[in-house]
Amino acid sequence: MTGRDASPPGVPAGRTSVNGHPGLGLAVVMTGVMIAAVDTTIVILALPEIERGLRVSLSSVIWVIIGYLLVVTLLASQVGRLGDMFGRVRMYETGFVVFIVGSALCALSWNESSIIIFRLIQGVGGALVSANSGAVIADLFPPERRGRAYGFNGIGWSLGAVLGIVLGGLIVTYVSWRWIFWINVPIGVGAVALALRVLHDSGARERRRLDVAGMVTVGMALFGILWAVTNLATESLNPTLLGFGIGGILLLVAFVFIERGRAEPMVHLSLFKIPTMSASLLAALFQGLANYAVLFLVIMYLQGPRGLTPLHASLLLVPGYVTGAAIGPFSGRLADRVGPVIPATFGLAVQVVALLLYAQLGMATGLWLVVVASVVNGLGSSSFFPANNSAVMKASPSEVFGISSGMLRTFQNVGMVFSFSLAILIASRSIPRHIAFAIFVGTAKLHGHVAAVFSEGLHSAFYASMGFLVLAALLSASRGYRGTR
């Protein structure tokens, strides 16, 4: 079976078709997710070398990561809409091409400004890939099989994270940081070739408009708040930072009013009227706010108080990602059978336990506790993501799969962006901020009493993240109550 005839039963006609089995299409999507995961963990390991090689200032190197995430956050819902307009597969493949070009440009960077700008370009490609991948899966698989498909998609993320840790450490240590970007080029080219052969768009397109005003407004709002929060990690509160923060909050208020008056807004407020949709999206936001910080907090602890190298610190987290890869498909299948509420809420509760374990880390703690906590965290993450993603796409009308997938990515990324900054801000309260920041990027280590005090600051950050996870779990559990009603 080829072309349109290959679309599985229950999938709306005219969206995405696949040559052969839908599993081939899933393999293409998993490849895209894997590349994105590799890029996430591999860049973290390379931050010290990028800082030294390009002479990037300590306060600017954070934007190598945050800039990428911010672009993905702003564009996720809009490029999902482009998928509805021009074909999800076409936008997905375009994203790969842009990501490849951005990676090559990052490898050729020559100073601070160039690496940040080229990371923004890479973010455009990442947004096109991530926002449309969920919609492609929703097209290829009927509702009763999507949870398992999203579970397999989680394998791609976990494998990519492990590859990023291992390859990143080897490349940074023995070759050059530039190759962390060059490595994306051949993998991306192969993924594009596979996508062109396997995936196809078919049927009529949806006529939609881009919400430029909303995107610019929320972009300025998030940038203002992020600028204030991020710089608080390296300097004291001053009128400039206060102005950025207050200005960002006011722009967020303006954004809500703009969206209410738009025919096709960036954030589709009407989707929140669908039962369980708002709880699913907000659960994704608070989970990202809490859990994305864990990687940074643990690496800060291992590189700072414990004095490990970035490679050795990251290798201790590999068992957690391996666990996530193994559990993901089973969790997705469970979500298909019993619904998303139980596995998603269970996953969030398990992650609370993982953070409680991390909060016990001290100067004399055995490193085995890091491994155990990472495994528990991997179990929780792999239980939450397939179920929650499936819940969003099951609740979404088929004609707006692209918008719903993009909104899910937007909410996840808003949490991830602020998680990074808040983690450093909270963890740095116990010692001078610039020292804490230097520990994070791997350019400073701690010893003696100062190291013990800094560990206490990390505990505060872990407890704060636990609070966000508890809120996410309550939101997730509320879907069961709404379903009963």
Protein backbone atom coordinates (compact mmCIF):
# COMPACT_ATOMS: atom_id res chain seq x y z
CA MET A 1 0.00 0.00 0.00
CA THR A 2 1.33 3.44 -0.87
CA GLY A 3 0.25 7.05 -0.92
CA ARG A 4 -3.15 7.89 0.44
CA ASP A 5 -4.24 4.30 0.67
CA ALA A 6 -1.70 3.75 3.41
CA SER A 7 -3.39 6.08 5.88
CA PRO A 8 -4.55 4.01 8.82
CA PRO A 9 -8.21 3.79 9.77
CA GLY A 10 -9.47 6.54 12.01
CA VAL A 11 -7.06 9.16 10.69
CA PRO A 12 -8.68 12.14 8.98
CA ALA A 13 -8.32 12.00 5.22
CA GLY A 14 -6.10 14.51 3.55
CA ARG A 15 -3.44 15.03 6.19
CA THR A 16 -0.34 12.78 6.26
CA SER A 17 0.19 9.53 4.41
CA VAL A 18 3.09 7.10 4.42
CA ASN A 19 4.68 4.67 2.00
CA GLY A 20 4.44 1.28 3.70
CA HIS A 21 3.71 0.79 7.40
CA PRO A 22 2.98 3.79 9.66
CA GLY A 23 5.92 2.60 11.74
CA LEU A 24 8.22 3.93 9.01
CA GLY A 25 6.72 7.36 9.46
CA LEU A 26 7.17 7.06 13.22
CA ALA A 27 10.84 6.18 12.66
CA VAL A 28 11.29 9.43 10.71
CA VAL A 29 9.70 11.45 13.52
CA MET A 30 11.82 9.65 16.13
CA THR A 31 14.93 10.63 14.17
CA GLY A 32 13.95 14.29 14.37
CA VAL A 33 13.30 14.05 18.10
CA MET A 34 16.62 12.27 18.60
CA ILE A 35 18.55 15.04 16.83
CA ALA A 36 16.81 17.67 18.96
CA ALA A 37 17.69 15.74 22.14
CA VAL A 38 21.32 15.31 21.06
CA ASP A 39 21.55 19.04 20.50
CA THR A 40 20.06 19.80 23.92
CA THR A 41 22.50 17.77 26.03
CA ILE A 42 25.56 18.12 23.82
CA VAL A 43 25.50 21.93 23.92
CA ILE A 44 25.35 21.93 27.73
CA LEU A 45 28.62 19.98 27.86
CA ALA A 46 30.26 22.31 25.35
CA LEU A 47 29.41 25.61 27.10
CA PRO A 48 32.81 26.01 28.81
CA GLU A 49 34.68 25.38 25.55
CA ILE A 50 32.39 27.73 23.60
CA GLU A 51 32.95 30.41 26.23
CA ARG A 52 36.72 30.07 26.03
CA GLY A 53 36.97 29.47 22.28
CA LEU A 54 34.83 32.44 21.21
CA ARG A 55 35.59 34.60 24.28
CA VAL A 56 31.90 34.80 25.14
CA SER A 57 31.16 36.74 28.30
CA LEU A 58 29.88 34.80 31.29
CA SER A 59 26.54 36.65 31.26
CA SER A 60 26.00 35.98 27.54
CA VAL A 61 26.88 32.30 27.27
CA ILE A 62 23.50 31.39 28.83
CA TRP A 63 21.78 32.78 25.73
CA VAL A 64 23.38 30.05 23.62
CA ILE A 65 20.78 27.78 25.25
CA ILE A 66 17.99 30.19 26.19
CA GLY A 67 17.98 31.90 22.77
CA TYR A 68 17.34 28.57 21.05
CA LEU A 69 14.54 27.64 23.46
CA LEU A 70 12.96 31.09 23.21
CA VAL A 71 12.71 30.90 19.42
CA VAL A 72 11.18 27.42 19.58
CA THR A 73 8.71 28.69 22.18
CA LEU A 74 7.60 31.68 20.12
CA LEU A 75 7.31 29.84 16.82
CA ALA A 76 5.85 26.52 17.98
CA SER A 77 2.17 27.43 17.61
CA GLN A 78 2.76 29.48 14.46
CA VAL A 79 4.73 26.87 12.53
CA GLY A 80 2.18 24.28 13.61
CA ARG A 81 -0.33 26.50 11.85
CA LEU A 82 1.93 26.55 8.79
CA GLY A 83 1.69 22.77 8.80
CA ASP A 84 -2.11 23.02 8.61
CA MET A 85 -1.79 25.54 5.77
CA PHE A 86 0.96 24.07 3.57
CA GLY A 87 1.27 20.46 4.74
CA ARG A 88 2.72 19.09 7.94
CA VAL A 89 5.24 16.88 6.21
CA ARG A 90 6.48 19.74 4.04
CA MET A 91 7.00 21.96 7.11
CA TYR A 92 8.61 19.07 8.98
CA GLU A 93 11.09 18.51 6.17
CA THR A 94 11.72 22.25 5.84
CA GLY A 95 12.52 22.31 9.54
CA PHE A 96 15.20 19.67 9.05
CA VAL A 97 16.82 21.71 6.29
CA VAL A 98 16.81 24.92 8.36
CA PHE A 99 18.18 23.01 11.35
CA ILE A 100 21.01 21.59 9.23
CA VAL A 101 21.92 25.04 7.89
CA GLY A 102 21.78 26.53 11.40
CA SER A 103 24.02 23.76 12.74
CA ALA A 104 26.61 24.35 10.02
CA LEU A 105 26.58 28.09 10.73
CA CYS A 106 27.01 27.47 14.47
CA ALA A 107 30.06 25.34 13.69
CA LEU A 108 31.49 28.25 11.69
CA SER A 109 30.83 30.87 14.39
CA TRP A 110 33.62 33.37 15.02
CA ASN A 111 32.43 35.47 18.00
CA GLU A 112 29.77 35.91 20.67
CA SER A 113 27.16 37.53 18.43
CA SER A 114 27.51 34.99 15.62
CA ILE A 115 27.01 31.91 17.82
CA ILE A 116 23.88 33.38 19.42
CA ILE A 117 22.38 34.51 16.09
CA PHE A 118 23.08 31.17 14.43
CA ARG A 119 21.54 29.34 17.39
CA LEU A 120 18.39 31.40 16.78
CA ILE A 121 18.36 30.15 13.17
CA GLN A 122 18.81 26.62 14.45
CA GLY A 123 15.84 27.26 16.75
CA VAL A 124 13.63 28.09 13.76
CA GLY A 125 14.37 24.65 12.33
CA GLY A 126 13.84 23.03 15.70
CA ALA A 127 10.44 24.71 16.01
CA LEU A 128 9.34 23.47 12.57
CA VAL A 129 10.38 19.91 13.42
CA SER A 130 9.02 19.71 16.97
CA ALA A 131 5.71 21.52 16.39
CA ASN A 132 4.73 19.38 13.42
CA SER A 133 6.04 16.02 14.66
CA GLY A 134 3.18 15.55 17.13
CA ALA A 135 0.62 16.35 14.44
CA VAL A 136 2.25 13.89 12.01
CA ILE A 137 1.96 11.11 14.61
CA ALA A 138 -1.67 12.06 15.29
CA ASP A 139 -2.34 11.78 11.55
CA LEU A 140 -0.63 8.42 11.15
CA PHE A 141 -2.14 6.65 14.15
CA PRO A 142 -5.75 6.37 15.38
CA PRO A 143 -6.53 7.65 18.91
CA GLU A 144 -6.37 4.21 20.50
CA ARG A 145 -2.77 3.72 19.29
CA ARG A 146 -1.31 7.19 19.75
CA GLY A 147 -0.14 6.74 23.34
CA ARG A 148 2.12 3.85 22.34
CA ALA A 149 3.38 5.85 19.35
CA TYR A 150 4.27 8.78 21.60
CA GLY A 151 5.97 6.29 23.91
CA PHE A 152 8.22 5.13 21.08
CA ASN A 153 8.81 8.78 20.23
CA GLY A 154 10.12 9.13 23.77
CA ILE A 155 12.72 6.48 22.97
CA GLY A 156 14.09 8.84 20.33
CA TRP A 157 14.45 11.59 22.92
CA SER A 158 16.13 9.34 25.51
CA LEU A 159 18.55 7.83 23.00
CA GLY A 160 19.38 11.28 21.68
CA ALA A 161 20.03 12.56 25.20
CA VAL A 162 22.39 9.64 25.89
CA LEU A 163 24.17 10.13 22.57
CA GLY A 164 24.51 13.83 23.32
CA ILE A 165 26.11 13.10 26.69
CA VAL A 166 28.54 10.47 25.40
CA LEU A 167 29.41 12.07 22.07
CA GLY A 168 29.49 15.54 23.58
CA GLY A 169 31.99 14.53 26.21
CA LEU A 170 34.20 12.73 23.71
CA ILE A 171 34.03 15.49 21.10
CA VAL A 172 34.65 18.34 23.52
CA THR A 173 37.47 16.46 25.25
CA TYR A 174 39.30 15.05 22.24
CA VAL A 175 38.26 16.99 19.13
CA SER A 176 36.67 20.44 19.10
CA TRP A 177 33.40 21.97 20.30
CA ARG A 178 32.60 22.90 16.67
CA TRP A 179 31.98 19.25 15.88
CA ILE A 180 28.99 19.14 18.24
CA PHE A 181 27.25 21.13 15.51
CA TRP A 182 28.88 19.50 12.47
CA ILE A 183 27.60 16.12 13.64
CA ASN A 184 24.02 17.29 13.01
CA VAL A 185 24.66 17.79 9.30
CA PRO A 186 25.04 14.18 8.04
CA ILE A 187 22.35 12.91 10.44
CA GLY A 188 19.97 15.64 9.29
CA VAL A 189 20.63 14.99 5.61
CA GLY A 190 19.87 11.31 6.11
CA ALA A 191 16.66 12.14 7.97
CA VAL A 192 15.49 14.48 5.19
CA ALA A 193 16.17 11.82 2.55
CA LEU A 194 14.19 9.27 4.57
CA ALA A 195 11.31 11.71 5.15
CA LEU A 196 11.11 12.55 1.42
CA ARG A 197 10.85 8.86 0.61
CA VAL A 198 8.42 7.79 3.35
CA LEU A 199 6.12 10.70 4.31
CA HIS A 200 3.71 12.56 2.05
CA ASP A 201 1.12 15.31 2.38
CA SER A 202 -2.26 14.70 0.78
CA GLY A 203 -5.66 16.34 0.57
CA ALA A 204 -6.87 19.91 1.00
CA ARG A 205 -5.02 22.52 3.07
CA GLU A 206 -6.51 24.67 5.82
CA ARG A 207 -6.51 28.41 5.11
CA ARG A 208 -5.08 30.18 8.15
CA ARG A 209 -3.38 33.43 9.12
CA LEU A 210 -0.28 33.99 11.21
CA ASP A 211 -0.66 36.05 14.36
CA VAL A 212 2.35 38.33 13.91
CA ALA A 213 1.14 40.92 16.45
CA GLY A 214 0.62 38.28 19.12
CA MET A 215 3.96 36.60 18.41
CA VAL A 216 5.89 39.91 18.62
CA THR A 217 4.10 40.95 21.81
CA VAL A 218 4.62 37.70 23.68
CA GLY A 219 8.19 37.51 22.36
CA MET A 220 9.02 40.91 23.81
CA ALA A 221 7.24 39.98 27.05
CA LEU A 222 9.13 36.72 27.54
CA PHE A 223 12.42 38.35 26.56
CA GLY A 224 11.94 41.13 29.09
CA ILE A 225 11.15 38.77 31.95
CA LEU A 226 13.92 36.35 30.94
CA TRP A 227 16.45 39.16 30.69
CA ALA A 228 15.60 40.30 34.22
CA VAL A 229 15.60 36.81 35.75
CA THR A 230 18.75 35.68 33.93
CA ASN A 231 20.82 38.75 34.82
CA LEU A 232 19.78 38.43 38.45
CA ALA A 233 21.99 35.34 38.44
CA THR A 234 25.07 37.53 37.90
CA GLU A 235 24.15 40.95 39.36
CA SER A 236 21.97 42.58 42.00
CA LEU A 237 18.49 43.96 41.37
CA ASN A 238 18.64 47.43 39.80
CA PRO A 239 16.22 49.82 38.04
CA THR A 240 17.12 48.44 34.59
CA LEU A 241 16.34 44.84 35.52
CA LEU A 242 13.20 45.95 37.33
CA GLY A 243 12.09 47.82 34.22
CA PHE A 244 12.63 44.78 32.01
CA GLY A 245 10.68 42.57 34.40
CA ILE A 246 7.72 44.91 34.88
CA GLY A 247 7.65 45.73 31.17
CA GLY A 248 7.53 42.03 30.33
CA ILE A 249 4.62 41.44 32.70
CA LEU A 250 2.67 44.38 31.25
CA LEU A 251 3.27 43.07 27.73
CA LEU A 252 1.91 39.68 28.79
CA VAL A 253 -1.30 41.40 29.92
CA ALA A 254 -1.45 43.24 26.58
CA PHE A 255 -0.92 39.92 24.79
CA VAL A 256 -4.05 38.43 26.41
CA PHE A 257 -6.17 41.35 25.20
CA ILE A 258 -4.66 41.15 21.70
CA GLU A 259 -5.39 37.43 21.48
CA ARG A 260 -9.01 37.89 22.52
CA GLY A 261 -9.57 40.19 19.56
CA ARG A 262 -7.83 38.10 16.90
CA ALA A 263 -9.72 35.87 14.49
CA GLU A 264 -6.82 33.38 14.44
CA PRO A 265 -4.71 34.04 17.55
CA MET A 266 -1.30 32.64 18.40
CA VAL A 267 -2.76 31.00 21.51
CA HIS A 268 -6.12 29.50 20.60
CA LEU A 269 -8.13 30.41 23.69
CA SER A 270 -11.10 28.45 22.33
CA LEU A 271 -9.15 25.22 22.78
CA PHE A 272 -9.24 25.80 26.53
CA LYS A 273 -12.99 25.25 26.40
CA ILE A 274 -12.37 21.62 25.44
CA PRO A 275 -12.58 19.40 28.56
CA THR A 276 -9.13 18.35 29.87
CA MET A 277 -7.23 20.55 27.36
CA SER A 278 -6.33 23.38 29.75
CA ALA A 279 -5.27 20.95 32.50
CA SER A 280 -3.07 19.01 30.03
CA LEU A 281 -1.36 22.13 28.69
CA LEU A 282 -0.79 23.64 32.14
CA ALA A 283 0.52 20.32 33.45
CA ALA A 284 3.05 20.36 30.60
CA LEU A 285 4.05 23.93 31.49
CA PHE A 286 4.67 23.24 35.20
CA GLN A 287 6.37 19.93 34.49
CA GLY A 288 8.80 21.72 32.16
CA LEU A 289 9.32 24.49 34.73
CA ALA A 290 10.25 21.91 37.36
CA ASN A 291 12.02 19.07 35.60
CA TYR A 292 14.05 20.82 32.90
CA ALA A 293 16.04 22.45 35.71
CA VAL A 294 17.07 19.08 37.14
CA LEU A 295 19.79 18.44 34.55
CA PHE A 296 21.36 21.84 35.22
CA LEU A 297 21.07 21.58 39.01
CA VAL A 298 22.65 18.13 39.16
CA ILE A 299 25.49 19.12 36.85
CA MET A 300 26.08 22.23 38.98
CA TYR A 301 26.33 20.00 42.04
CA LEU A 302 28.64 17.45 40.41
CA GLN A 303 30.92 20.01 38.76
CA GLY A 304 30.95 22.44 41.67
CA PRO A 305 30.99 20.85 45.15
CA ARG A 306 32.04 17.39 43.88
CA GLY A 307 34.61 18.63 41.35
CA LEU A 308 33.76 16.22 38.51
CA THR A 309 34.41 16.98 34.85
CA PRO A 310 31.37 17.70 32.62
CA LEU A 311 31.76 14.30 30.95
CA HIS A 312 31.95 12.31 34.20
CA ALA A 313 29.10 14.33 35.70
CA SER A 314 26.82 13.69 32.75
CA LEU A 315 27.62 9.98 32.52
CA LEU A 316 26.05 9.50 35.96
CA LEU A 317 22.72 10.61 34.42
CA VAL A 318 22.83 8.12 31.54
CA PRO A 319 20.98 5.34 33.46
CA GLY A 320 17.98 7.65 33.86
CA TYR A 321 17.71 8.26 30.12
CA VAL A 322 18.12 4.54 29.41
CA THR A 323 15.29 3.80 31.84
CA GLY A 324 13.11 6.38 30.12
CA ALA A 325 13.75 4.77 26.74
CA ALA A 326 12.81 1.33 28.06
CA ILE A 327 9.65 2.40 29.90
CA GLY A 328 8.22 4.86 27.35
CA PRO A 329 6.42 2.41 25.00
CA PHE A 330 4.84 0.50 27.91
CA SER A 331 3.65 3.74 29.49
CA GLY A 332 2.16 4.85 26.18
CA ARG A 333 0.37 1.51 25.77
CA LEU A 334 -1.02 1.85 29.31
CA ALA A 335 -2.33 5.31 28.43
CA ASP A 336 -4.11 3.81 25.43
CA ARG A 337 -5.78 1.19 27.62
CA VAL A 338 -6.74 3.08 30.77
CA GLY A 339 -6.63 6.70 29.60
CA PRO A 340 -3.93 9.34 30.17
CA VAL A 341 -4.88 10.53 33.66
CA ILE A 342 -3.44 7.67 35.74
CA PRO A 343 -0.05 7.20 33.99
CA ALA A 344 0.52 10.97 33.63
CA THR A 345 -0.29 11.72 37.27
CA PHE A 346 1.74 8.70 38.42
CA GLY A 347 4.70 9.94 36.39
CA LEU A 348 4.57 13.37 37.99
CA ALA A 349 4.34 11.83 41.49
CA VAL A 350 7.38 9.66 40.76
CA GLN A 351 9.32 12.73 39.62
CA VAL A 352 8.52 14.40 42.96
CA VAL A 353 10.20 11.42 44.66
CA ALA A 354 13.22 11.79 42.35
CA LEU A 355 13.64 15.45 43.27
CA LEU A 356 13.31 14.57 46.96
CA LEU A 357 16.23 12.17 46.49
CA TYR A 358 18.25 14.84 44.69
CA ALA A 359 17.56 17.24 47.56
CA GLN A 360 19.46 14.88 49.91
CA LEU A 361 22.74 15.32 48.02
CA GLY A 362 25.58 16.70 50.12
CA MET A 363 29.36 16.79 50.30
CA ALA A 364 29.61 13.26 51.73
CA THR A 365 26.75 11.66 49.79
CA GLY A 366 27.63 8.65 47.67
CA LEU A 367 27.37 9.30 43.95
CA TRP A 368 25.20 6.19 43.69
CA LEU A 369 22.31 8.36 44.94
CA VAL A 370 22.62 10.49 41.79
CA VAL A 371 22.26 7.35 39.67
CA VAL A 372 19.24 6.11 41.66
CA ALA A 373 17.54 9.51 41.48
CA SER A 374 18.16 9.73 37.73
CA VAL A 375 16.57 6.30 37.20
CA VAL A 376 13.52 7.29 39.27
CA ASN A 377 13.27 10.55 37.34
CA GLY A 378 13.52 8.70 34.03
CA LEU A 379 10.68 6.43 35.08
CA GLY A 380 8.51 9.41 35.96
CA SER A 381 9.27 11.36 32.78
CA SER A 382 8.61 8.39 30.51
CA SER A 383 5.27 7.83 32.26
CA PHE A 384 4.15 11.45 31.96
CA PHE A 385 5.07 12.56 28.45
CA PRO A 386 3.41 9.86 26.27
CA ALA A 387 0.20 10.02 28.30
CA ASN A 388 0.01 13.82 28.39
CA ASN A 389 0.85 14.22 24.70
CA SER A 390 -1.79 11.65 23.84
CA ALA A 391 -4.33 13.48 26.03
CA VAL A 392 -3.79 16.76 24.16
CA MET A 393 -4.06 15.21 20.71
CA LYS A 394 -7.08 13.07 21.65
CA ALA A 395 -8.91 16.15 22.94
CA SER A 396 -7.99 18.21 19.86
CA PRO A 397 -10.28 18.38 16.81
CA SER A 398 -8.50 16.75 13.87
CA GLU A 399 -8.60 19.91 11.75
CA VAL A 400 -6.39 21.76 14.25
CA PHE A 401 -3.87 19.01 15.06
CA GLY A 402 -1.05 21.34 13.99
CA ILE A 403 -2.23 24.18 16.24
CA SER A 404 -2.75 21.86 19.22
CA SER A 405 0.65 20.23 18.77
CA GLY A 406 2.24 23.66 18.50
CA MET A 407 0.46 24.91 21.62
CA LEU A 408 1.63 21.87 23.58
CA ARG A 409 5.19 22.59 22.52
CA THR A 410 4.74 26.28 23.39
CA PHE A 411 3.58 25.53 26.93
CA GLN A 412 6.34 22.96 27.46
CA ASN A 413 9.00 25.38 26.23
CA VAL A 414 7.76 28.33 28.29
CA GLY A 415 8.32 26.14 31.33
CA MET A 416 11.72 24.97 30.09
CA VAL A 417 12.95 28.50 29.32
CA PHE A 418 12.12 29.85 32.76
CA SER A 419 13.24 26.65 34.49
CA PHE A 420 16.81 27.26 33.33
CA SER A 421 16.93 30.82 34.70
CA LEU A 422 15.06 30.15 37.94
CA ALA A 423 17.29 27.18 38.75
CA ILE A 424 20.43 29.30 38.62
CA LEU A 425 18.77 32.20 40.44
CA ILE A 426 17.55 30.06 43.36
CA ALA A 427 20.70 27.94 43.57
CA SER A 428 22.96 31.01 43.60
CA ARG A 429 21.34 32.63 46.64
CA SER A 430 23.86 31.10 49.06
CA ILE A 431 27.10 32.32 47.43
CA PRO A 432 28.04 35.20 45.09
CA ARG A 433 25.98 34.91 41.91
CA HIS A 434 28.88 35.17 39.49
CA ILE A 435 30.61 32.23 41.19
CA ALA A 436 27.47 30.09 40.98
CA PHE A 437 27.10 30.92 37.32
CA ALA A 438 30.74 30.03 36.66
CA ILE A 439 30.17 26.68 38.36
CA PHE A 440 27.26 25.94 36.07
CA VAL A 441 29.17 26.59 32.84
CA GLY A 442 32.10 24.54 34.20
CA THR A 443 34.69 27.31 34.64
CA ALA A 444 34.91 27.19 38.45
CA LYS A 445 34.87 24.61 41.25
CA LEU A 446 34.20 24.85 44.99
CA HIS A 447 35.87 23.41 48.05
CA GLY A 448 35.35 23.28 51.80
CA HIS A 449 32.70 25.32 53.60
CA VAL A 450 31.70 27.31 50.48
CA ALA A 451 30.92 24.06 48.65
CA ALA A 452 28.71 22.88 51.52
CA VAL A 453 26.84 26.19 51.58
CA PHE A 454 26.30 26.06 47.85
CA SER A 455 24.88 22.54 48.16
CA GLU A 456 22.25 23.96 50.51
CA GLY A 457 21.31 26.48 47.82
CA LEU A 458 20.83 23.62 45.38
CA HIS A 459 18.51 21.94 47.89
CA SER A 460 16.30 25.04 47.84
CA ALA A 461 16.11 24.87 44.06
CA PHE A 462 15.13 21.19 44.17
CA TYR A 463 12.39 21.87 46.72
CA ALA A 464 11.05 24.72 44.59
CA SER A 465 10.94 22.38 41.60
CA MET A 466 9.06 19.84 43.71
CA GLY A 467 6.40 22.47 44.35
CA PHE A 468 5.91 23.00 40.62
CA LEU A 469 5.66 19.25 40.06
CA VAL A 470 3.02 18.89 42.78
CA LEU A 471 0.99 21.61 41.06
CA ALA A 472 1.37 19.79 37.74
CA ALA A 473 0.22 16.53 39.36
CA LEU A 474 -2.89 18.21 40.80
CA LEU A 475 -3.74 19.61 37.37
CA SER A 476 -3.23 16.20 35.79
CA ALA A 477 -5.39 14.47 38.40
CA SER A 478 -8.18 17.04 37.90
CA ARG A 479 -8.76 15.59 34.41
CA GLY A 480 -10.13 12.46 36.04
CA TYR A 481 -12.64 14.51 38.00
CA ARG A 482 -13.68 16.43 34.90
CA GLY A 483 -14.02 13.19 32.95
CA THR A 484 -16.28 11.78 35.67
CA ARG A 485 -18.46 14.85 35.55
